[in-house]
Amino acid sequence: MKRVFTLEEAREAMPKVKSLTRPVFELAASLSEEMEEAEDRGDKRRVDSLRERLDALVTAWSDAVQDLGPEVKGLWLVDFDSGDGYWCWAYPEDDLGYWHSYEGGFGARVPLQEAHRALRKG
């Protein structure tokens, strides 16, 4: 069963989400750079090995974040179910500053101040 978060609960979880994400992002960036260099050299074996490591790293990050309760909706993109949409965070944003409807997705994100006004009217 999916967990529903108040904004306060989602914000309380953010330090842990960020601490899980930052080092994994940095390692993934390094592996991606190394993979590009291997591709340039035509080293298919090395590319395949790095791709496997990168996939395993991202999967482990996703699993660790989801164990905290939010949903991982993409690479470095985390949504907390609010009961009527999602509190939305994407690395490297400093804070949980956006909301979007269930149907809207990342492209429909609005700043929390606007979301609060819209939700009160609806």
N, C-alpha and C. Protein backbone atom coordinates (compact mmCIF):
# COMPACT_ATOMS: atom_id res chain seq x y z
N MET A 1 0.84 -1.19 0.00
CA MET A 1 0.00 0.00 0.00
C MET A 1 0.88 1.25 0.00
N LYS A 2 0.54 2.19 -0.85
CA LYS A 2 1.30 3.43 -0.93
C LYS A 2 1.11 4.27 0.32
N ARG A 3 2.16 4.94 0.69
CA ARG A 3 2.10 5.83 1.84
C ARG A 3 1.71 7.23 1.37
N VAL A 4 0.84 7.88 2.14
CA VAL A 4 0.46 9.26 1.88
C VAL A 4 1.20 10.12 2.90
N PHE A 5 1.83 11.19 2.41
CA PHE A 5 2.63 12.08 3.23
C PHE A 5 1.98 13.45 3.37
N THR A 6 1.99 13.99 4.58
CA THR A 6 1.71 15.41 4.72
C THR A 6 2.95 16.13 4.21
N LEU A 7 2.82 17.42 3.94
CA LEU A 7 3.99 18.17 3.50
C LEU A 7 5.08 18.13 4.55
N GLU A 8 4.70 18.23 5.80
CA GLU A 8 5.68 18.19 6.90
C GLU A 8 6.41 16.85 6.93
N GLU A 9 5.68 15.75 6.77
CA GLU A 9 6.31 14.43 6.76
C GLU A 9 7.26 14.27 5.59
N ALA A 10 6.85 14.76 4.43
CA ALA A 10 7.71 14.69 3.25
C ALA A 10 8.99 15.50 3.48
N ARG A 11 8.84 16.69 4.04
CA ARG A 11 10.02 17.52 4.31
C ARG A 11 10.93 16.89 5.35
N GLU A 12 10.36 16.18 6.31
CA GLU A 12 11.18 15.49 7.31
C GLU A 12 11.98 14.36 6.68
N ALA A 13 11.47 13.75 5.63
CA ALA A 13 12.17 12.66 4.95
C ALA A 13 13.25 13.16 4.00
N MET A 14 13.19 14.43 3.61
CA MET A 14 14.09 14.96 2.59
C MET A 14 15.58 14.86 2.95
N PRO A 15 16.01 15.13 4.17
CA PRO A 15 17.45 14.99 4.45
C PRO A 15 17.97 13.59 4.13
N LYS A 16 17.19 12.58 4.44
CA LYS A 16 17.61 11.20 4.16
C LYS A 16 17.61 10.94 2.65
N VAL A 17 16.57 11.43 1.96
CA VAL A 17 16.52 11.25 0.50
C VAL A 17 17.73 11.93 -0.15
N LYS A 18 18.03 13.14 0.29
CA LYS A 18 19.16 13.87 -0.28
C LYS A 18 20.48 13.19 0.05
N SER A 19 20.61 12.66 1.27
CA SER A 19 21.87 12.01 1.65
C SER A 19 22.06 10.70 0.88
N LEU A 20 20.97 10.05 0.49
CA LEU A 20 21.07 8.86 -0.35
C LEU A 20 21.40 9.23 -1.80
N THR A 21 20.88 10.35 -2.25
CA THR A 21 20.96 10.72 -3.66
C THR A 21 22.29 11.34 -4.04
N ARG A 22 22.78 12.27 -3.26
CA ARG A 22 23.99 13.03 -3.64
C ARG A 22 25.17 12.13 -3.99
N PRO A 23 25.60 11.22 -3.12
CA PRO A 23 26.78 10.41 -3.46
C PRO A 23 26.53 9.45 -4.62
N VAL A 24 25.31 8.95 -4.75
CA VAL A 24 25.00 8.05 -5.85
C VAL A 24 25.01 8.82 -7.16
N PHE A 25 24.46 10.02 -7.15
CA PHE A 25 24.49 10.86 -8.35
C PHE A 25 25.93 11.11 -8.78
N GLU A 26 26.79 11.47 -7.82
CA GLU A 26 28.19 11.76 -8.15
C GLU A 26 28.91 10.53 -8.70
N LEU A 27 28.68 9.38 -8.10
CA LEU A 27 29.30 8.15 -8.60
C LEU A 27 28.75 7.79 -9.98
N ALA A 28 27.44 7.96 -10.17
CA ALA A 28 26.84 7.67 -11.47
C ALA A 28 27.40 8.60 -12.54
N ALA A 29 27.60 9.87 -12.20
CA ALA A 29 28.19 10.81 -13.17
C ALA A 29 29.60 10.37 -13.55
N SER A 30 30.37 9.92 -12.58
CA SER A 30 31.72 9.46 -12.83
C SER A 30 31.71 8.20 -13.71
N LEU A 31 30.82 7.26 -13.39
CA LEU A 31 30.72 6.05 -14.20
C LEU A 31 30.28 6.37 -15.63
N SER A 32 29.37 7.32 -15.78
CA SER A 32 28.90 7.71 -17.11
C SER A 32 30.02 8.33 -17.92
N GLU A 33 30.82 9.15 -17.26
CA GLU A 33 31.96 9.76 -17.95
C GLU A 33 32.96 8.69 -18.40
N GLU A 34 33.24 7.77 -17.49
CA GLU A 34 34.15 6.67 -17.82
C GLU A 34 33.59 5.81 -18.96
N MET A 35 32.27 5.62 -18.96
CA MET A 35 31.63 4.84 -20.01
C MET A 35 31.75 5.54 -21.37
N GLU A 36 31.57 6.86 -21.39
CA GLU A 36 31.73 7.62 -22.63
C GLU A 36 33.16 7.50 -23.17
N GLU A 37 34.13 7.56 -22.28
CA GLU A 37 35.53 7.41 -22.70
C GLU A 37 35.78 6.02 -23.28
N ALA A 38 35.21 5.01 -22.65
CA ALA A 38 35.36 3.64 -23.16
C ALA A 38 34.67 3.49 -24.51
N GLU A 39 33.52 4.14 -24.68
CA GLU A 39 32.83 4.11 -25.99
C GLU A 39 33.70 4.76 -27.05
N ASP A 40 34.30 5.89 -26.70
CA ASP A 40 35.18 6.59 -27.66
C ASP A 40 36.37 5.72 -28.08
N ARG A 41 36.85 4.88 -27.16
CA ARG A 41 37.97 3.98 -27.47
C ARG A 41 37.50 2.71 -28.16
N GLY A 42 36.17 2.51 -28.21
CA GLY A 42 35.64 1.30 -28.82
C GLY A 42 35.78 0.08 -27.93
N ASP A 43 35.88 0.29 -26.62
CA ASP A 43 36.07 -0.80 -25.67
C ASP A 43 34.70 -1.31 -25.20
N LYS A 44 34.07 -2.12 -26.05
CA LYS A 44 32.71 -2.60 -25.77
C LYS A 44 32.61 -3.36 -24.45
N ARG A 45 33.60 -4.14 -24.15
CA ARG A 45 33.59 -4.92 -22.91
C ARG A 45 33.53 -4.00 -21.69
N ARG A 46 34.36 -2.97 -21.72
CA ARG A 46 34.38 -2.02 -20.61
C ARG A 46 33.06 -1.25 -20.53
N VAL A 47 32.52 -0.88 -21.68
CA VAL A 47 31.23 -0.17 -21.72
C VAL A 47 30.15 -1.04 -21.08
N ASP A 48 30.10 -2.30 -21.46
CA ASP A 48 29.10 -3.21 -20.91
C ASP A 48 29.25 -3.37 -19.41
N SER A 49 30.48 -3.49 -18.94
CA SER A 49 30.74 -3.62 -17.51
C SER A 49 30.29 -2.36 -16.74
N LEU A 50 30.65 -1.21 -17.29
CA LEU A 50 30.26 0.04 -16.64
C LEU A 50 28.75 0.24 -16.66
N ARG A 51 28.11 -0.14 -17.76
CA ARG A 51 26.66 -0.02 -17.85
C ARG A 51 25.98 -0.88 -16.79
N GLU A 52 26.48 -2.09 -16.60
CA GLU A 52 25.94 -2.97 -15.56
C GLU A 52 26.11 -2.35 -14.18
N ARG A 53 27.28 -1.81 -13.91
CA ARG A 53 27.52 -1.16 -12.61
C ARG A 53 26.59 0.03 -12.42
N LEU A 54 26.41 0.81 -13.48
CA LEU A 54 25.54 1.98 -13.42
C LEU A 54 24.09 1.57 -13.18
N ASP A 55 23.64 0.56 -13.89
CA ASP A 55 22.27 0.06 -13.70
C ASP A 55 22.06 -0.44 -12.27
N ALA A 56 23.02 -1.19 -11.75
CA ALA A 56 22.92 -1.71 -10.38
C ALA A 56 22.91 -0.57 -9.36
N LEU A 57 23.72 0.44 -9.61
CA LEU A 57 23.80 1.60 -8.71
C LEU A 57 22.46 2.33 -8.66
N VAL A 58 21.89 2.60 -9.83
CA VAL A 58 20.61 3.32 -9.90
C VAL A 58 19.49 2.50 -9.28
N THR A 59 19.50 1.20 -9.51
CA THR A 59 18.49 0.33 -8.92
C THR A 59 18.60 0.33 -7.40
N ALA A 60 19.81 0.26 -6.88
CA ALA A 60 20.01 0.27 -5.42
C ALA A 60 19.53 1.60 -4.84
N TRP A 61 19.84 2.71 -5.52
CA TRP A 61 19.37 4.03 -5.06
C TRP A 61 17.84 4.07 -5.04
N SER A 62 17.23 3.63 -6.12
CA SER A 62 15.78 3.65 -6.23
C SER A 62 15.14 2.82 -5.11
N ASP A 63 15.66 1.63 -4.89
CA ASP A 63 15.13 0.77 -3.84
C ASP A 63 15.27 1.41 -2.46
N ALA A 64 16.42 2.02 -2.20
CA ALA A 64 16.66 2.65 -0.90
C ALA A 64 15.72 3.83 -0.66
N VAL A 65 15.50 4.63 -1.69
CA VAL A 65 14.58 5.77 -1.56
C VAL A 65 13.15 5.27 -1.35
N GLN A 66 12.74 4.28 -2.15
CA GLN A 66 11.37 3.78 -2.02
C GLN A 66 11.13 3.10 -0.67
N ASP A 67 12.19 2.57 -0.06
CA ASP A 67 12.05 1.99 1.27
C ASP A 67 11.66 3.05 2.30
N LEU A 68 11.93 4.32 2.01
CA LEU A 68 11.55 5.41 2.90
C LEU A 68 10.08 5.80 2.71
N GLY A 69 9.45 5.35 1.63
CA GLY A 69 8.04 5.63 1.41
C GLY A 69 7.68 6.39 0.16
N PRO A 70 8.54 7.30 -0.34
CA PRO A 70 8.17 8.00 -1.57
C PRO A 70 8.33 7.10 -2.79
N GLU A 71 7.90 7.61 -3.93
CA GLU A 71 8.02 6.89 -5.19
C GLU A 71 9.13 7.51 -6.02
N VAL A 72 9.90 6.67 -6.68
CA VAL A 72 10.91 7.15 -7.61
C VAL A 72 10.26 7.15 -8.98
N LYS A 73 10.19 8.33 -9.60
CA LYS A 73 9.48 8.47 -10.87
C LYS A 73 10.42 8.63 -12.05
N GLY A 74 11.70 8.70 -11.79
CA GLY A 74 12.68 8.83 -12.85
C GLY A 74 14.04 8.98 -12.22
N LEU A 75 15.02 9.18 -13.06
CA LEU A 75 16.39 9.31 -12.56
C LEU A 75 16.51 10.57 -11.73
N TRP A 76 16.75 10.39 -10.44
CA TRP A 76 16.94 11.46 -9.46
C TRP A 76 15.65 12.27 -9.24
N LEU A 77 14.51 11.65 -9.49
CA LEU A 77 13.20 12.30 -9.35
C LEU A 77 12.37 11.52 -8.34
N VAL A 78 11.95 12.21 -7.28
CA VAL A 78 11.26 11.57 -6.17
C VAL A 78 9.93 12.28 -5.92
N ASP A 79 8.85 11.49 -5.82
CA ASP A 79 7.52 12.02 -5.54
C ASP A 79 6.99 11.42 -4.24
N PHE A 80 6.41 12.30 -3.42
CA PHE A 80 5.75 11.90 -2.19
C PHE A 80 4.25 12.05 -2.41
N ASP A 81 3.50 10.97 -2.29
CA ASP A 81 2.05 11.02 -2.49
C ASP A 81 1.42 11.90 -1.42
N SER A 82 0.67 12.93 -1.85
CA SER A 82 0.04 13.85 -0.91
C SER A 82 -1.43 13.52 -0.67
N GLY A 83 -1.94 12.52 -1.36
CA GLY A 83 -3.35 12.19 -1.25
C GLY A 83 -4.17 12.80 -2.37
N ASP A 84 -3.66 13.85 -3.01
CA ASP A 84 -4.35 14.46 -4.14
C ASP A 84 -3.37 14.85 -5.25
N GLY A 85 -2.18 14.32 -5.17
CA GLY A 85 -1.11 14.59 -6.12
C GLY A 85 0.21 14.23 -5.47
N TYR A 86 1.28 14.89 -5.91
CA TYR A 86 2.60 14.57 -5.37
C TYR A 86 3.37 15.82 -4.98
N TRP A 87 4.03 15.75 -3.82
CA TRP A 87 5.09 16.70 -3.48
C TRP A 87 6.28 16.19 -4.28
N CYS A 88 6.92 17.03 -5.05
CA CYS A 88 7.89 16.58 -6.04
C CYS A 88 9.26 17.19 -5.80
N TRP A 89 10.30 16.35 -5.89
CA TRP A 89 11.68 16.80 -5.73
C TRP A 89 12.54 16.15 -6.79
N ALA A 90 13.46 16.92 -7.33
CA ALA A 90 14.43 16.41 -8.30
C ALA A 90 15.81 16.89 -7.90
N TYR A 91 16.76 15.99 -7.89
CA TYR A 91 18.14 16.36 -7.59
C TYR A 91 18.64 17.26 -8.71
N PRO A 92 19.30 18.36 -8.40
CA PRO A 92 19.91 18.80 -7.15
C PRO A 92 19.13 19.89 -6.40
N GLU A 93 17.81 19.92 -6.52
CA GLU A 93 17.04 20.95 -5.81
C GLU A 93 17.35 20.89 -4.32
N ASP A 94 17.35 22.07 -3.69
CA ASP A 94 17.68 22.16 -2.27
C ASP A 94 16.57 21.61 -1.38
N ASP A 95 15.33 21.86 -1.77
CA ASP A 95 14.22 21.52 -0.89
C ASP A 95 13.06 20.97 -1.72
N LEU A 96 12.10 20.48 -1.01
CA LEU A 96 10.86 20.01 -1.61
C LEU A 96 10.03 21.25 -1.91
N GLY A 97 10.05 21.70 -3.16
CA GLY A 97 9.43 22.98 -3.47
C GLY A 97 8.32 22.93 -4.49
N TYR A 98 7.92 21.73 -4.93
CA TYR A 98 6.93 21.64 -6.01
C TYR A 98 5.87 20.59 -5.71
N TRP A 99 4.76 20.75 -6.39
CA TRP A 99 3.65 19.79 -6.32
C TRP A 99 3.12 19.60 -7.74
N HIS A 100 2.59 18.41 -8.03
CA HIS A 100 1.87 18.20 -9.29
C HIS A 100 0.77 17.18 -9.07
N SER A 101 -0.24 17.25 -9.92
CA SER A 101 -1.37 16.32 -9.83
C SER A 101 -0.92 14.92 -10.22
N TYR A 102 -1.75 13.96 -9.95
CA TYR A 102 -1.45 12.59 -10.35
C TYR A 102 -1.32 12.50 -11.86
N GLU A 103 -2.16 13.20 -12.59
CA GLU A 103 -2.15 13.14 -14.05
C GLU A 103 -1.07 14.02 -14.66
N GLY A 104 -0.69 15.09 -13.98
CA GLY A 104 0.15 16.11 -14.56
C GLY A 104 1.60 15.73 -14.78
N GLY A 105 2.19 15.05 -13.87
CA GLY A 105 3.59 14.66 -14.00
C GLY A 105 4.55 15.82 -13.83
N PHE A 106 5.82 15.52 -14.02
CA PHE A 106 6.90 16.47 -13.78
C PHE A 106 6.71 17.78 -14.54
N GLY A 107 6.27 17.70 -15.77
CA GLY A 107 6.11 18.89 -16.60
C GLY A 107 5.03 19.83 -16.10
N ALA A 108 4.15 19.34 -15.24
CA ALA A 108 3.06 20.16 -14.72
C ALA A 108 3.33 20.63 -13.28
N ARG A 109 4.57 20.52 -12.84
CA ARG A 109 4.89 20.94 -11.47
C ARG A 109 4.61 22.42 -11.27
N VAL A 110 4.11 22.74 -10.09
CA VAL A 110 3.93 24.14 -9.71
C VAL A 110 4.58 24.35 -8.36
N PRO A 111 5.09 25.56 -8.09
CA PRO A 111 5.65 25.84 -6.77
C PRO A 111 4.61 25.57 -5.69
N LEU A 112 5.06 25.15 -4.53
CA LEU A 112 4.14 24.79 -3.45
C LEU A 112 3.16 25.91 -3.10
N GLN A 113 3.60 27.16 -3.15
CA GLN A 113 2.71 28.27 -2.83
C GLN A 113 1.51 28.28 -3.78
N GLU A 114 1.75 28.04 -5.06
CA GLU A 114 0.66 27.99 -6.03
C GLU A 114 -0.21 26.77 -5.81
N ALA A 115 0.39 25.66 -5.46
CA ALA A 115 -0.36 24.43 -5.22
C ALA A 115 -1.30 24.61 -4.05
N HIS A 116 -0.83 25.24 -2.97
CA HIS A 116 -1.68 25.47 -1.80
C HIS A 116 -2.90 26.31 -2.16
N ARG A 117 -2.70 27.35 -2.96
CA ARG A 117 -3.82 28.20 -3.38
C ARG A 117 -4.81 27.40 -4.23
N ALA A 118 -4.29 26.64 -5.18
CA ALA A 118 -5.15 25.86 -6.07
C ALA A 118 -5.91 24.78 -5.29
N LEU A 119 -5.26 24.13 -4.36
CA LEU A 119 -5.91 23.06 -3.60
C LEU A 119 -6.99 23.62 -2.67
N ARG A 120 -6.78 24.79 -2.14
CA ARG A 120 -7.80 25.42 -1.27
C ARG A 120 -9.04 25.80 -2.06
N LYS A 121 -8.85 26.23 -3.33
CA LYS A 121 -9.99 26.60 -4.18
C LYS A 121 -10.79 25.38 -4.60
N GLY A 122 -10.05 24.28 -4.90
CA GLY A 122 -10.69 23.07 -5.41
C GLY A 122 -11.37 22.33 -4.35
